[in-house]
N, C-alpha and C. Protein backbone atom coordinates (compact mmCIF):
# COMPACT_ATOMS: atom_id res chain seq x y z
N PRO A 1 125.27 267.20 78.01
CA PRO A 1 124.52 266.73 79.17
C PRO A 1 123.08 267.26 79.14
N VAL A 2 122.16 266.37 79.44
CA VAL A 2 120.75 266.73 79.41
C VAL A 2 120.12 266.43 80.75
N LYS A 3 119.46 267.44 81.33
CA LYS A 3 118.73 267.25 82.58
C LYS A 3 117.48 266.43 82.26
N HIS A 4 117.20 265.42 83.06
CA HIS A 4 116.03 264.58 82.84
C HIS A 4 114.78 265.26 83.39
N ASP A 5 113.69 265.14 82.64
CA ASP A 5 112.39 265.68 83.07
C ASP A 5 111.64 264.54 83.76
N LEU A 6 111.76 264.47 85.07
CA LEU A 6 111.20 263.35 85.83
C LEU A 6 109.69 263.19 85.63
N PRO A 7 108.88 264.25 85.74
CA PRO A 7 107.44 264.04 85.53
C PRO A 7 107.14 263.43 84.16
N LEU A 8 107.81 263.92 83.13
CA LEU A 8 107.60 263.38 81.78
C LEU A 8 108.03 261.92 81.71
N ASP A 9 109.19 261.60 82.28
CA ASP A 9 109.68 260.22 82.30
C ASP A 9 108.70 259.28 82.99
N LEU A 10 108.01 259.79 84.02
CA LEU A 10 107.09 258.96 84.79
C LEU A 10 105.67 258.97 84.23
N GLY A 11 105.41 259.83 83.25
CA GLY A 11 104.08 259.90 82.66
C GLY A 11 103.09 260.73 83.47
N PHE A 12 103.60 261.69 84.24
CA PHE A 12 102.77 262.57 85.05
C PHE A 12 102.98 264.01 84.61
N SER A 13 101.98 264.84 84.84
CA SER A 13 102.21 266.27 84.68
C SER A 13 103.00 266.74 85.91
N LYS A 14 103.66 267.87 85.77
CA LYS A 14 104.40 268.41 86.92
C LYS A 14 103.44 268.68 88.07
N GLU A 15 102.26 269.19 87.75
CA GLU A 15 101.27 269.51 88.79
C GLU A 15 100.82 268.25 89.52
N ALA A 16 100.56 267.18 88.77
CA ALA A 16 100.11 265.92 89.40
C ALA A 16 101.20 265.37 90.31
N LEU A 17 102.45 265.42 89.85
CA LEU A 17 103.54 264.91 90.67
C LEU A 17 103.73 265.78 91.91
N ASP A 18 103.57 267.09 91.75
CA ASP A 18 103.66 267.99 92.91
C ASP A 18 102.57 267.67 93.93
N THR A 19 101.37 267.35 93.46
CA THR A 19 100.27 266.99 94.36
C THR A 19 100.62 265.72 95.13
N LEU A 20 101.13 264.72 94.42
CA LEU A 20 101.51 263.46 95.07
C LEU A 20 102.63 263.69 96.09
N LYS A 21 103.59 264.53 95.74
CA LYS A 21 104.67 264.86 96.68
C LYS A 21 104.11 265.49 97.95
N GLY A 22 103.11 266.35 97.79
CA GLY A 22 102.51 267.01 98.93
C GLY A 22 101.77 266.05 99.85
N GLN A 23 101.33 264.93 99.29
CA GLN A 23 100.58 263.94 100.07
C GLN A 23 101.48 262.87 100.69
N ASP A 24 102.71 262.78 100.22
CA ASP A 24 103.60 261.69 100.64
C ASP A 24 105.01 262.22 100.89
N PRO A 25 105.37 262.47 102.15
CA PRO A 25 106.70 263.01 102.45
C PRO A 25 107.84 262.10 101.99
N HIS A 26 107.63 260.78 102.02
CA HIS A 26 108.69 259.86 101.57
C HIS A 26 108.91 260.02 100.06
N LEU A 27 107.83 260.12 99.31
CA LEU A 27 107.94 260.35 97.87
C LEU A 27 108.64 261.68 97.60
N ALA A 28 108.29 262.70 98.35
CA ALA A 28 108.93 264.01 98.18
C ALA A 28 110.43 263.91 98.43
N ALA A 29 110.82 263.16 99.44
CA ALA A 29 112.25 262.99 99.75
C ALA A 29 112.96 262.24 98.62
N LEU A 30 112.31 261.21 98.08
CA LEU A 30 112.90 260.46 96.96
C LEU A 30 113.08 261.36 95.74
N ILE A 31 112.09 262.18 95.46
CA ILE A 31 112.18 263.08 94.30
C ILE A 31 113.29 264.10 94.52
N GLU A 32 113.45 264.58 95.73
CA GLU A 32 114.55 265.51 96.03
C GLU A 32 115.90 264.82 95.82
N LYS A 33 116.02 263.57 96.28
CA LYS A 33 117.26 262.80 96.07
C LYS A 33 117.52 262.62 94.58
N TYR A 34 116.47 262.35 93.81
CA TYR A 34 116.61 262.18 92.37
C TYR A 34 117.11 263.47 91.72
N THR A 35 116.54 264.59 92.14
CA THR A 35 116.94 265.89 91.59
C THR A 35 118.43 266.15 91.83
N VAL A 36 118.88 265.85 93.03
CA VAL A 36 120.31 266.02 93.37
C VAL A 36 121.17 265.08 92.53
N ALA A 37 120.75 263.82 92.42
CA ALA A 37 121.52 262.83 91.65
C ALA A 37 121.57 263.22 90.17
N ASP A 38 120.45 263.71 89.63
CA ASP A 38 120.41 264.12 88.23
C ASP A 38 121.36 265.29 88.00
N LYS A 39 121.38 266.23 88.93
CA LYS A 39 122.29 267.37 88.82
C LYS A 39 123.75 266.90 88.82
N GLN A 40 124.06 265.91 89.66
CA GLN A 40 125.42 265.38 89.71
C GLN A 40 125.81 264.74 88.37
N VAL A 41 124.88 264.02 87.75
CA VAL A 41 125.16 263.39 86.46
C VAL A 41 125.39 264.46 85.40
N VAL A 42 124.51 265.45 85.35
CA VAL A 42 124.64 266.53 84.36
C VAL A 42 125.98 267.24 84.53
N GLU A 43 126.36 267.53 85.76
CA GLU A 43 127.64 268.19 86.01
C GLU A 43 128.82 267.30 85.61
N ALA A 44 128.72 266.01 85.87
CA ALA A 44 129.80 265.08 85.53
C ALA A 44 129.94 264.90 84.03
N GLU A 45 128.83 265.08 83.29
CA GLU A 45 128.87 264.94 81.84
C GLU A 45 129.32 266.21 81.13
N ALA A 46 129.36 267.32 81.85
CA ALA A 46 129.72 268.60 81.25
C ALA A 46 131.17 268.58 80.78
N PRO A 47 131.44 269.27 79.67
CA PRO A 47 132.82 269.32 79.17
C PRO A 47 133.81 269.87 80.19
N SER A 48 133.33 270.70 81.10
CA SER A 48 134.22 271.28 82.11
C SER A 48 134.53 270.32 83.25
N ALA A 49 133.92 269.14 83.25
CA ALA A 49 134.11 268.17 84.34
C ALA A 49 135.36 267.35 84.08
N LEU A 50 136.49 267.97 84.27
CA LEU A 50 137.76 267.29 84.04
C LEU A 50 138.02 266.27 85.13
N GLY A 51 138.55 265.14 84.74
CA GLY A 51 138.94 264.13 85.71
C GLY A 51 137.83 263.20 86.15
N VAL A 52 136.62 263.35 85.59
CA VAL A 52 135.54 262.43 85.94
C VAL A 52 135.70 261.19 85.07
N THR A 53 135.98 260.08 85.71
CA THR A 53 136.19 258.84 84.97
C THR A 53 134.86 258.24 84.53
N ASP A 54 134.94 257.35 83.55
CA ASP A 54 133.75 256.64 83.09
C ASP A 54 133.11 255.86 84.23
N GLU A 55 133.95 255.31 85.11
CA GLU A 55 133.43 254.53 86.23
C GLU A 55 132.63 255.40 87.19
N VAL A 56 133.13 256.60 87.45
CA VAL A 56 132.42 257.53 88.34
C VAL A 56 131.10 257.95 87.70
N LEU A 57 131.14 258.28 86.42
CA LEU A 57 129.92 258.68 85.72
C LEU A 57 128.90 257.54 85.72
N LEU A 58 129.35 256.34 85.47
CA LEU A 58 128.45 255.18 85.48
C LEU A 58 127.84 254.98 86.86
N ALA A 59 128.63 255.14 87.90
CA ALA A 59 128.12 254.99 89.27
C ALA A 59 127.06 256.05 89.57
N LEU A 60 127.29 257.27 89.11
CA LEU A 60 126.30 258.34 89.32
C LEU A 60 125.00 258.03 88.58
N LYS A 61 125.12 257.53 87.36
CA LYS A 61 123.93 257.19 86.59
C LYS A 61 123.17 256.02 87.22
N GLU A 62 123.90 255.05 87.74
CA GLU A 62 123.26 253.92 88.40
C GLU A 62 122.54 254.37 89.67
N LYS A 63 123.14 255.29 90.40
CA LYS A 63 122.51 255.83 91.61
C LYS A 63 121.21 256.54 91.24
N ARG A 64 121.26 257.35 90.19
CA ARG A 64 120.07 258.07 89.73
C ARG A 64 118.98 257.09 89.31
N LEU A 65 119.35 256.05 88.59
CA LEU A 65 118.38 255.05 88.14
C LEU A 65 117.75 254.31 89.31
N LYS A 66 118.55 253.98 90.32
CA LYS A 66 118.04 253.29 91.51
C LYS A 66 117.01 254.16 92.22
N ILE A 67 117.29 255.44 92.33
CA ILE A 67 116.34 256.35 92.98
C ILE A 67 115.06 256.43 92.15
N LYS A 68 115.21 256.50 90.83
CA LYS A 68 114.02 256.55 89.96
C LYS A 68 113.20 255.28 90.12
N ASP A 69 113.86 254.13 90.19
CA ASP A 69 113.15 252.86 90.43
C ASP A 69 112.39 252.90 91.75
N ASP A 70 113.01 253.48 92.78
CA ASP A 70 112.35 253.61 94.08
C ASP A 70 111.11 254.51 93.98
N ILE A 71 111.21 255.56 93.18
CA ILE A 71 110.07 256.46 92.97
C ILE A 71 108.94 255.72 92.27
N VAL A 72 109.28 254.98 91.22
CA VAL A 72 108.27 254.21 90.48
C VAL A 72 107.59 253.21 91.41
N SER A 73 108.36 252.53 92.24
CA SER A 73 107.79 251.57 93.19
C SER A 73 106.86 252.27 94.17
N ARG A 74 107.27 253.43 94.65
CA ARG A 74 106.45 254.18 95.60
C ARG A 74 105.13 254.61 94.95
N LEU A 75 105.22 255.08 93.71
CA LEU A 75 104.01 255.49 93.00
C LEU A 75 103.09 254.30 92.74
N ALA A 76 103.67 253.15 92.42
CA ALA A 76 102.87 251.94 92.18
C ALA A 76 102.17 251.51 93.46
N SER A 77 102.85 251.61 94.59
CA SER A 77 102.23 251.21 95.85
C SER A 77 101.10 252.17 96.22
N GLN A 78 101.25 253.45 95.87
CA GLN A 78 100.18 254.41 96.12
C GLN A 78 98.97 254.11 95.23
N ALA A 79 99.23 253.76 93.98
CA ALA A 79 98.14 253.47 93.05
C ALA A 79 97.38 252.22 93.45
N ALA A 80 98.05 251.30 94.12
CA ALA A 80 97.43 250.04 94.53
C ALA A 80 96.50 250.21 95.73
N ARG A 81 96.61 251.35 96.39
CA ARG A 81 95.76 251.58 97.59
C ARG A 81 94.35 251.91 97.23
């Protein structure tokens, strides 16, 4: 299991993303939700995660991807301003 580096995935430095989070509470909340979802995926992928079905893992990954898409949309709307 690999924890995703959200700033790298989005093409931002951690500092730049932190600045944007500080300016936009909704973006900050989305990033927090993403962090929680990513942790759930990493834990579900761990060898010690007995009983986690493929369907559950897929649902967790889809949830994480949806949140990431919401973050990308939010960043795009900020850039358009």
